[in-house]
Amino acid sequence: MIGKKNSGKTRVITYLIEKLCGKYRILAIKHVNEPNFEIDIPGKDSWKMKKAGATTVSIVSKQKIAIISDIQNINLTEFINNIMPIADTSYDLVILEGFSRIIGRRQDVHKLVVARDKNDVEEILSKISPPVIGIITRKPFSSSYNIMTFDKLDNLATKIEAMIKEP
């Protein structure tokens, strides 16, 4: 999923996950530009352990697992290259939000472009390579690409499901 900030990427991703999660195993990975983002809950035991100095804290239950680890200057390209073979065997669908500089030119990654308007679409398309399976935007316009609006995403879920079923 490639698009500028506040273009609607998360909206499209959550829609697709809701439509497809009953039939398929989905891995969603989001890139954030905030180096010190926090996902743990202040005051909880795991948060206290991390604040006390643990490099990595894992939270495990019968139903979920979370690993919170400090890393120094991760190479995102290396991360994506290493996780994709694992994801290919463990998941039916991998959705990456962001990572446009890493996956934008990769021809082995199908891309969805989410944009506010035609100008954003043209700018994004100038920076990426095929395959582009569709463009989601607020206002439709004429294009050789499959253009969808946010209120008509059913065809997108159907198209992705057909791609998953392809051998």
Foldseek 3Di string as FASTA:
>chain_A
DDFDPPLCPVVLVVVLCVVPVVPWFEAEAEDDPDLPDDDDDPPDPQNVVVVVPDQKGWDDDPVDIDIDGDDDPDDVLVVCVVCVVVCVVVTLYYHYHDPCLNCFAPAVDEAEYGGADPVRVVVSVVRGDDDYQEYEYCDDDDDPHHYHYSVPCPVVSVVVVVVSPDD
